[in-house]
Structures are given as C-alpha cells and as structure tokens.
Amino acid sequence: MVDEISSVGSKRAQQINQAPTPNESAREGNSAVRAETAPAPSPSVEVELSESIKRSEERAQFDEARVKELKSQIEQGTYPIDTQKLAEKFSDLEQLL
C-alpha cells in the first residue's frame, strides 16, 4: 500500500493503516474492502521569489516567430540535424550512466 506524502504522520494515515475492528467489519457487511473518504485539500502556502528569480522570469521571453518556424521545419522534415553533434551528446549522456 502506498501512502500519500501529505498524510504521513497524520491521524488519517494511521486510521487507514489500521485493520478494522470486528464491530466495523460487521457494520460493513463483513466486506474486506473499506471505503475511504477523499482527503481534505491541503492548506495553501505562500512563496516569495527572490529578486534574481524575478529578473530571470522577466528575461525568459521567446521569439514566437522563430518557434513557429522551427516547428514547421520539424513537421516538414526539413530541420537540419548535425549527426556528429548528436552522437557526441549521446556519448556524453552514456558517460553519466
């Protein structure tokens, strides 16, 4: 059985992991499967980004026309592929494994 991280150490997680008592089994019609209720939504957490992250987000823009051009080339099969560079990148990746 896998427990959600958000419920680790909570009272609900302990209740789920416990076997039903004989009285609970009788109320459930001796069914081996217990119905579980959906977990309550976790409270929201506010996060404040650092100034460097804020600046990075402002600079993280892209050239939409260039993206469309590249996408079109890939779909048409005309995008140039440097096989030597590709092989080198695969080699670098294999060394990491």
C-alpha atoms as a PDB file:
ATOM      1  CA  MET A   1       0.000   0.000   0.000  1.00  0.00           C
ATOM      2  CA  VAL A   2       1.270   3.491  -0.798  1.00  0.00           C
ATOM      3  CA  ASP A   3       0.540   6.451   1.460  1.00  0.00           C
ATOM      4  CA  GLU A   4       0.442   9.999   0.199  1.00  0.00           C
ATOM      5  CA  ILE A   5       3.301  12.156   1.426  1.00  0.00           C
ATOM      6  CA  SER A   6       0.901  14.808   2.669  1.00  0.00           C
ATOM      7  CA  SER A   7      -0.731  12.322   5.032  1.00  0.00           C
ATOM      8  CA  VAL A   8       2.448  10.936   6.598  1.00  0.00           C
ATOM      9  CA  GLY A   9       2.213  11.189  10.361  1.00  0.00           C
ATOM     10  CA  SER A  10      -1.366  12.416  10.306  1.00  0.00           C
ATOM     11  CA  LYS A  11      -4.189  10.832  12.232  1.00  0.00           C
ATOM     12  CA  ARG A  12      -5.930   9.929   8.944  1.00  0.00           C
ATOM     13  CA  ALA A  13      -2.909   7.935   7.730  1.00  0.00           C
ATOM     14  CA  GLN A  14      -2.871   5.988  10.979  1.00  0.00           C
ATOM     15  CA  GLN A  15      -6.576   5.216  10.660  1.00  0.00           C
ATOM     16  CA  ILE A  16      -6.188   3.957   7.091  1.00  0.00           C
ATOM     17  CA  ASN A  17      -3.329   1.636   8.010  1.00  0.00           C
ATOM     18  CA  GLN A  18      -5.204   0.052  10.928  1.00  0.00           C
ATOM     19  CA  ALA A  19      -7.234  -3.096  10.351  1.00  0.00           C
ATOM     20  CA  PRO A  20     -10.963  -2.745  11.010  1.00  0.00           C
ATOM     21  CA  THR A  21     -12.236  -3.977  14.339  1.00  0.00           C
ATOM     22  CA  PRO A  22     -14.753  -6.837  14.403  1.00  0.00           C
ATOM     23  CA  ASN A  23     -17.574  -4.326  15.028  1.00  0.00           C
ATOM     24  CA  GLU A  24     -16.544  -2.294  11.973  1.00  0.00           C
ATOM     25  CA  SER A  25     -16.471  -5.434   9.834  1.00  0.00           C
ATOM     26  CA  ALA A  26     -19.978  -6.348  10.966  1.00  0.00           C
ATOM     27  CA  ARG A  27     -21.280  -2.856  10.120  1.00  0.00           C
ATOM     28  CA  GLU A  28     -19.699  -3.080   6.674  1.00  0.00           C
ATOM     29  CA  GLY A  29     -21.377  -6.401   5.975  1.00  0.00           C
ATOM     30  CA  ASN A  30     -18.116  -8.348   6.509  1.00  0.00           C
ATOM     31  CA  SER A  31     -16.731  -6.762   3.360  1.00  0.00           C
ATOM     32  CA  ALA A  32     -12.948  -6.917   3.011  1.00  0.00           C
ATOM     33  CA  VAL A  33     -12.887  -3.608   1.149  1.00  0.00           C
ATOM     34  CA  ARG A  34     -13.301  -0.409   3.146  1.00  0.00           C
ATOM     35  CA  ALA A  35     -14.488   2.781   1.528  1.00  0.00           C
ATOM     36  CA  GLU A  36     -12.076   5.659   2.050  1.00  0.00           C
ATOM     37  CA  THR A  37     -13.097   9.292   2.031  1.00  0.00           C
ATOM     38  CA  ALA A  38     -11.259  11.774  -0.152  1.00  0.00           C
ATOM     39  CA  PRO A  39      -8.518  13.654   1.693  1.00  0.00           C
ATOM     40  CA  ALA A  40      -9.188  17.239   2.624  1.00  0.00           C
ATOM     41  CA  PRO A  41      -7.366  19.759   0.445  1.00  0.00           C
ATOM     42  CA  SER A  42      -4.079  20.881   1.941  1.00  0.00           C
ATOM     43  CA  PRO A  43      -3.810  24.481   3.073  1.00  0.00           C
ATOM     44  CA  SER A  44      -2.213  26.859   0.586  1.00  0.00           C
ATOM     45  CA  VAL A  45       1.317  28.083   1.139  1.00  0.00           C
ATOM     46  CA  GLU A  46       2.570  31.487   0.070  1.00  0.00           C
ATOM     47  CA  VAL A  47       6.005  31.620  -1.503  1.00  0.00           C
ATOM     48  CA  GLU A  48       8.062  34.729  -2.138  1.00  0.00           C
ATOM     49  CA  LEU A  49      10.512  34.555  -5.030  1.00  0.00           C
ATOM     50  CA  SER A  50      13.975  36.034  -4.738  1.00  0.00           C
ATOM     51  CA  GLU A  51      14.917  39.076  -6.821  1.00  0.00           C
ATOM     52  CA  SER A  52      17.192  37.004  -9.071  1.00  0.00           C
ATOM     53  CA  ILE A  53      14.326  34.626  -9.884  1.00  0.00           C
ATOM     54  CA  LYS A  54      12.016  37.549 -10.605  1.00  0.00           C
ATOM     55  CA  ARG A  55      14.597  39.027 -13.002  1.00  0.00           C
ATOM     56  CA  SER A  56      15.030  35.637 -14.686  1.00  0.00           C
ATOM     57  CA  GLU A  57      11.290  35.376 -15.265  1.00  0.00           C
ATOM     58  CA  GLU A  58      11.252  38.814 -16.864  1.00  0.00           C
ATOM     59  CA  ARG A  59      14.078  37.823 -19.247  1.00  0.00           C
ATOM     60  CA  ALA A  60      12.554  34.427 -20.063  1.00  0.00           C
ATOM     61  CA  GLN A  61      10.813  35.503 -23.216  1.00  0.00           C
ATOM     62  CA  PHE A  62      10.920  33.677 -26.523  1.00  0.00           C
ATOM     63  CA  ASP A  63      10.678  34.573 -30.166  1.00  0.00           C
ATOM     64  CA  GLU A  64       7.281  33.206 -31.147  1.00  0.00           C
ATOM     65  CA  ALA A  65       8.018  33.552 -34.868  1.00  0.00           C
ATOM     66  CA  ARG A  66      11.242  31.538 -34.514  1.00  0.00           C
ATOM     67  CA  VAL A  67       9.442  28.815 -32.553  1.00  0.00           C
ATOM     68  CA  LYS A  68       6.780  28.542 -35.264  1.00  0.00           C
ATOM     69  CA  GLU A  69       9.483  28.373 -37.946  1.00  0.00           C
ATOM     70  CA  LEU A  70      11.356  25.582 -36.139  1.00  0.00           C
ATOM     71  CA  LYS A  71       8.134  23.671 -35.503  1.00  0.00           C
ATOM     72  CA  SER A  72       7.230  23.918 -39.177  1.00  0.00           C
ATOM     73  CA  GLN A  73      10.680  22.658 -40.234  1.00  0.00           C
ATOM     74  CA  ILE A  74      10.456  19.703 -37.859  1.00  0.00           C
ATOM     75  CA  GLU A  75       6.963  18.779 -39.073  1.00  0.00           C
ATOM     76  CA  GLN A  76       8.051  19.002 -42.727  1.00  0.00           C
ATOM     77  CA  GLY A  77      11.240  17.038 -42.087  1.00  0.00           C
ATOM     78  CA  THR A  78      13.496  19.865 -43.296  1.00  0.00           C
ATOM     79  CA  TYR A  79      15.081  20.731 -39.931  1.00  0.00           C
ATOM     80  CA  PRO A  80      18.850  20.212 -40.295  1.00  0.00           C
ATOM     81  CA  ILE A  81      20.319  17.672 -37.861  1.00  0.00           C
ATOM     82  CA  ASP A  82      24.045  17.671 -37.086  1.00  0.00           C
ATOM     83  CA  THR A  83      24.600  13.928 -36.647  1.00  0.00           C
ATOM     84  CA  GLN A  84      28.156  14.420 -35.340  1.00  0.00           C
ATOM     85  CA  LYS A  85      26.964  16.757 -32.578  1.00  0.00           C
ATOM     86  CA  LEU A  86      24.066  14.429 -31.784  1.00  0.00           C
ATOM     87  CA  ALA A  87      26.437  11.461 -31.435  1.00  0.00           C
ATOM     88  CA  GLU A  88      28.704  13.479 -29.122  1.00  0.00           C
ATOM     89  CA  LYS A  89      25.754  14.379 -26.878  1.00  0.00           C
ATOM     90  CA  PHE A  90      24.705  10.714 -26.686  1.00  0.00           C
ATOM     91  CA  SER A  91      28.274   9.797 -25.771  1.00  0.00           C
ATOM     92  CA  ASP A  92      28.297  12.437 -23.012  1.00  0.00           C
ATOM     93  CA  LEU A  93      24.993  11.105 -21.711  1.00  0.00           C
ATOM     94  CA  GLU A  94      26.249   7.493 -21.634  1.00  0.00           C
ATOM     95  CA  GLN A  95      29.281   8.569 -19.591  1.00  0.00           C
ATOM     96  CA  LEU A  96      26.930   9.917 -16.923  1.00  0.00           C
ATOM     97  CA  LEU A  97      25.302   6.493 -16.564  1.00  0.00           C
END
